[in-house]
């Protein structure tokens, strides 16, 4: 078990107060990632990536890197006007 003290903890590492401890397994991110990706329209992803000139740098694999950057943004809820659809 690892206990992380807040910045308000004393420099000596002494903890005074109450703690809420939850023990369990971390959820497997695979099913959530698969569900997220299943609603992404390939056409919309490609269109959005090609429209994001800030993600294009002329280097090898720029389209793939742009798509991955968009997927990261979208996973964080930063859709930028594009809503997820059923995959094609």
N, C-alpha and C. Protein backbone atom coordinates (compact mmCIF):
# COMPACT_ATOMS: atom_id res chain seq x y z
N UNK A 1 0.84 -1.15 0.00
CA UNK A 1 0.00 0.00 0.00
C UNK A 1 0.89 1.22 0.00
N UNK A 2 0.51 2.22 -0.76
CA UNK A 2 1.22 3.49 -0.81
C UNK A 2 0.27 4.56 -0.32
N UNK A 3 0.73 5.36 0.60
CA UNK A 3 -0.06 6.48 1.09
C UNK A 3 0.65 7.74 0.67
N UNK A 4 -0.05 8.57 -0.10
CA UNK A 4 0.52 9.82 -0.54
C UNK A 4 -0.04 10.94 0.33
N UNK A 5 0.84 11.72 0.89
CA UNK A 5 0.43 12.83 1.73
C UNK A 5 0.21 14.06 0.87
N UNK A 6 -0.74 14.87 1.26
CA UNK A 6 -1.02 16.09 0.52
C UNK A 6 0.08 17.11 0.78
N UNK A 7 0.15 18.13 -0.07
CA UNK A 7 1.16 19.17 0.16
C UNK A 7 1.02 19.86 1.51
N UNK A 8 -0.14 19.74 2.10
CA UNK A 8 -0.35 20.36 3.42
C UNK A 8 0.26 19.55 4.55
N UNK A 9 0.72 18.33 4.24
CA UNK A 9 1.35 17.50 5.27
C UNK A 9 2.65 18.16 5.72
N UNK A 10 3.03 17.88 6.90
CA UNK A 10 4.25 18.50 7.42
C UNK A 10 5.47 17.93 6.72
N UNK A 11 6.55 18.66 6.76
CA UNK A 11 7.78 18.25 6.10
C UNK A 11 8.33 16.96 6.70
N UNK A 12 7.97 16.66 7.92
CA UNK A 12 8.47 15.45 8.57
C UNK A 12 7.72 14.21 8.13
N UNK A 13 6.64 14.39 7.38
CA UNK A 13 5.87 13.24 6.90
C UNK A 13 4.89 12.73 7.93
N UNK A 14 4.64 13.48 8.97
CA UNK A 14 3.70 13.07 10.00
C UNK A 14 2.29 13.39 9.52
N UNK A 15 1.42 12.42 9.62
CA UNK A 15 0.04 12.59 9.19
C UNK A 15 -0.85 12.58 10.41
N UNK A 16 -1.62 13.63 10.56
CA UNK A 16 -2.60 13.69 11.64
C UNK A 16 -3.96 13.93 11.02
N UNK A 17 -4.90 13.10 11.31
CA UNK A 17 -6.23 13.27 10.78
C UNK A 17 -6.83 11.94 10.38
N UNK A 18 -7.84 12.00 9.53
CA UNK A 18 -8.53 10.81 9.08
C UNK A 18 -8.15 10.50 7.64
N UNK A 19 -8.29 9.26 7.28
CA UNK A 19 -8.00 8.85 5.91
C UNK A 19 -9.10 7.93 5.42
N UNK A 20 -9.38 8.02 4.16
CA UNK A 20 -10.32 7.11 3.51
C UNK A 20 -9.49 6.23 2.58
N UNK A 21 -9.44 4.94 2.87
CA UNK A 21 -8.61 4.01 2.10
C UNK A 21 -9.52 3.06 1.34
N UNK A 22 -9.29 2.95 0.04
CA UNK A 22 -10.04 2.03 -0.79
C UNK A 22 -9.04 1.06 -1.40
N UNK A 23 -9.31 -0.21 -1.24
CA UNK A 23 -8.41 -1.23 -1.76
C UNK A 23 -9.16 -2.01 -2.84
N UNK A 24 -8.54 -2.17 -3.96
CA UNK A 24 -9.16 -2.91 -5.05
C UNK A 24 -8.23 -2.95 -6.25
N UNK A 25 -8.66 -3.65 -7.25
CA UNK A 25 -7.89 -3.74 -8.48
C UNK A 25 -8.24 -2.57 -9.38
N UNK A 26 -7.21 -2.08 -10.07
CA UNK A 26 -7.48 -1.05 -11.06
C UNK A 26 -8.24 -1.69 -12.20
N UNK A 27 -9.22 -0.96 -12.76
CA UNK A 27 -9.97 -1.54 -13.87
C UNK A 27 -9.10 -1.67 -15.11
N UNK A 28 -9.38 -2.68 -15.91
CA UNK A 28 -8.67 -2.89 -17.16
C UNK A 28 -9.12 -1.81 -18.14
N UNK A 29 -8.21 -0.99 -18.68
CA UNK A 29 -8.61 0.08 -19.59
C UNK A 29 -9.00 -0.43 -20.98
N UNK A 30 -8.68 -1.69 -21.28
CA UNK A 30 -8.95 -2.22 -22.61
C UNK A 30 -10.40 -2.14 -23.05
N UNK A 31 -11.35 -2.63 -22.25
CA UNK A 31 -12.75 -2.56 -22.67
C UNK A 31 -13.25 -1.13 -22.85
N UNK A 32 -12.83 -0.22 -22.01
CA UNK A 32 -13.25 1.18 -22.15
C UNK A 32 -12.67 1.78 -23.42
N UNK A 33 -11.40 1.47 -23.70
CA UNK A 33 -10.77 1.98 -24.93
C UNK A 33 -11.47 1.40 -26.15
N UNK A 34 -11.81 0.12 -26.12
CA UNK A 34 -12.49 -0.51 -27.25
C UNK A 34 -13.86 0.11 -27.47
N UNK A 35 -14.58 0.36 -26.40
CA UNK A 35 -15.91 0.99 -26.53
C UNK A 35 -15.78 2.40 -27.10
N UNK A 36 -14.80 3.16 -26.62
CA UNK A 36 -14.56 4.51 -27.13
C UNK A 36 -14.25 4.48 -28.62
N UNK A 37 -13.32 3.61 -29.02
CA UNK A 37 -12.91 3.55 -30.43
C UNK A 37 -14.02 3.04 -31.33
N UNK A 38 -14.93 2.23 -30.81
CA UNK A 38 -15.99 1.67 -31.64
C UNK A 38 -17.00 2.72 -32.09
N UNK A 39 -17.06 3.87 -31.43
CA UNK A 39 -18.00 4.92 -31.83
C UNK A 39 -17.34 6.02 -32.64
N UNK A 40 -16.07 5.87 -32.96
CA UNK A 40 -15.36 6.86 -33.75
C UNK A 40 -15.57 6.56 -35.23
N UNK A 41 -16.02 7.55 -35.96
CA UNK A 41 -16.19 7.41 -37.40
C UNK A 41 -14.83 7.58 -38.07
N UNK A 42 -14.35 6.59 -38.81
CA UNK A 42 -13.07 6.73 -39.49
C UNK A 42 -13.04 7.94 -40.43
N UNK A 43 -14.14 8.19 -41.12
CA UNK A 43 -14.21 9.33 -42.04
C UNK A 43 -14.08 10.65 -41.28
N UNK A 44 -14.78 10.76 -40.15
CA UNK A 44 -14.71 11.99 -39.36
C UNK A 44 -13.33 12.17 -38.73
N UNK A 45 -12.71 11.07 -38.31
CA UNK A 45 -11.37 11.15 -37.73
C UNK A 45 -10.37 11.64 -38.78
N UNK A 46 -10.43 11.06 -39.96
CA UNK A 46 -9.52 11.47 -41.03
C UNK A 46 -9.76 12.93 -41.41
N UNK A 47 -11.02 13.30 -41.56
CA UNK A 47 -11.38 14.68 -41.92
C UNK A 47 -10.88 15.66 -40.86
N UNK A 48 -11.09 15.33 -39.60
CA UNK A 48 -10.66 16.22 -38.51
C UNK A 48 -9.14 16.31 -38.44
N UNK A 49 -8.45 15.19 -38.65
CA UNK A 49 -6.99 15.20 -38.60
C UNK A 49 -6.41 16.04 -39.73
N UNK A 50 -6.97 15.90 -40.93
CA UNK A 50 -6.47 16.68 -42.06
C UNK A 50 -6.77 18.17 -41.92
N UNK A 51 -7.81 18.50 -41.16
CA UNK A 51 -8.17 19.91 -40.96
C UNK A 51 -7.35 20.57 -39.85
N UNK A 52 -6.65 19.77 -39.06
CA UNK A 52 -5.86 20.31 -37.95
C UNK A 52 -4.42 20.57 -38.40
N UNK A 53 -4.21 21.70 -39.00
CA UNK A 53 -2.88 22.04 -39.51
C UNK A 53 -1.85 22.20 -38.40
N UNK A 54 -2.32 22.48 -37.19
CA UNK A 54 -1.38 22.58 -36.05
C UNK A 54 -0.78 21.23 -35.70
N UNK A 55 -1.41 20.14 -36.15
CA UNK A 55 -0.89 18.81 -35.86
C UNK A 55 -0.04 18.26 -37.01
N UNK A 56 -0.03 18.96 -38.14
CA UNK A 56 0.72 18.51 -39.30
C UNK A 56 2.07 19.22 -39.33
N UNK A 57 3.15 18.44 -39.43
CA UNK A 57 4.48 19.04 -39.41
C UNK A 57 5.35 18.60 -40.57
N UNK A 58 4.79 17.82 -41.50
CA UNK A 58 5.55 17.39 -42.66
C UNK A 58 6.51 16.24 -42.40
N UNK A 59 6.55 15.75 -41.21
CA UNK A 59 7.43 14.63 -40.86
C UNK A 59 6.74 13.31 -41.20
N UNK A 60 7.51 12.22 -41.29
CA UNK A 60 6.90 10.92 -41.57
C UNK A 60 5.80 10.58 -40.56
N UNK A 61 4.77 9.96 -41.06
CA UNK A 61 3.64 9.47 -40.24
C UNK A 61 2.83 10.61 -39.61
N UNK A 62 2.84 11.78 -40.23
CA UNK A 62 2.14 12.92 -39.63
C UNK A 62 0.64 12.68 -39.50
N UNK A 63 0.03 12.02 -40.48
CA UNK A 63 -1.41 11.77 -40.39
C UNK A 63 -1.73 10.84 -39.22
N UNK A 64 -0.93 9.80 -39.06
CA UNK A 64 -1.15 8.87 -37.95
C UNK A 64 -0.96 9.59 -36.62
N UNK A 65 0.10 10.40 -36.51
CA UNK A 65 0.32 11.13 -35.26
C UNK A 65 -0.79 12.13 -35.00
N UNK A 66 -1.30 12.76 -36.05
CA UNK A 66 -2.42 13.70 -35.89
C UNK A 66 -3.67 12.97 -35.42
N UNK A 67 -3.93 11.79 -35.99
CA UNK A 67 -5.10 11.01 -35.57
C UNK A 67 -4.98 10.57 -34.11
N UNK A 68 -3.78 10.12 -33.72
CA UNK A 68 -3.59 9.72 -32.33
C UNK A 68 -3.76 10.91 -31.39
N UNK A 69 -3.26 12.07 -31.78
CA UNK A 69 -3.43 13.27 -30.94
C UNK A 69 -4.91 13.61 -30.80
N UNK A 70 -5.66 13.53 -31.90
CA UNK A 70 -7.09 13.79 -31.84
C UNK A 70 -7.81 12.78 -30.95
N UNK A 71 -7.45 11.51 -31.07
CA UNK A 71 -8.08 10.50 -30.24
C UNK A 71 -7.81 10.75 -28.76
N UNK A 72 -6.58 11.20 -28.44
CA UNK A 72 -6.28 11.55 -27.04
C UNK A 72 -7.17 12.70 -26.59
N UNK A 73 -7.29 13.75 -27.42
CA UNK A 73 -8.15 14.89 -27.07
C UNK A 73 -9.59 14.44 -26.90
N UNK A 74 -10.07 13.65 -27.84
CA UNK A 74 -11.46 13.20 -27.79
C UNK A 74 -11.71 12.32 -26.57
N UNK A 75 -10.74 11.50 -26.20
CA UNK A 75 -10.89 10.65 -25.02
C UNK A 75 -11.04 11.50 -23.76
N UNK A 76 -10.47 12.70 -23.79
CA UNK A 76 -10.58 13.62 -22.66
C UNK A 76 -11.81 14.52 -22.76
N UNK A 77 -12.65 14.25 -23.78
CA UNK A 77 -13.89 15.02 -23.94
C UNK A 77 -13.73 16.30 -24.71
N UNK A 78 -12.60 16.51 -25.33
CA UNK A 78 -12.34 17.73 -26.10
C UNK A 78 -12.68 17.47 -27.55
N UNK A 79 -13.99 17.45 -27.86
CA UNK A 79 -14.45 17.05 -29.18
C UNK A 79 -14.24 18.13 -30.23
N UNK A 80 -14.20 19.39 -29.86
CA UNK A 80 -13.99 20.46 -30.83
C UNK A 80 -15.05 20.50 -31.93
N UNK A 81 -16.30 20.26 -31.59
CA UNK A 81 -17.38 20.33 -32.56
C UNK A 81 -17.68 19.01 -33.26
N UNK A 82 -16.85 18.01 -33.09
CA UNK A 82 -17.09 16.70 -33.72
C UNK A 82 -17.60 15.76 -32.64
N UNK A 83 -18.77 15.22 -32.86
CA UNK A 83 -19.34 14.28 -31.91
C UNK A 83 -19.13 12.85 -32.40
N UNK A 84 -18.97 11.91 -31.48
CA UNK A 84 -18.76 10.52 -31.90
C UNK A 84 -19.98 9.95 -32.60
N UNK A 85 -19.73 9.08 -33.54
CA UNK A 85 -20.81 8.39 -34.26
C UNK A 85 -20.53 6.90 -34.22
N UNK A 86 -21.44 6.13 -34.79
CA UNK A 86 -21.16 4.71 -34.95
C UNK A 86 -20.07 4.56 -35.99
N UNK A 87 -19.10 3.67 -35.71
CA UNK A 87 -18.01 3.44 -36.64
C UNK A 87 -18.50 2.93 -37.97
N UNK A 88 -17.74 3.27 -39.02
CA UNK A 88 -18.12 2.83 -40.36
C UNK A 88 -17.41 1.55 -40.71
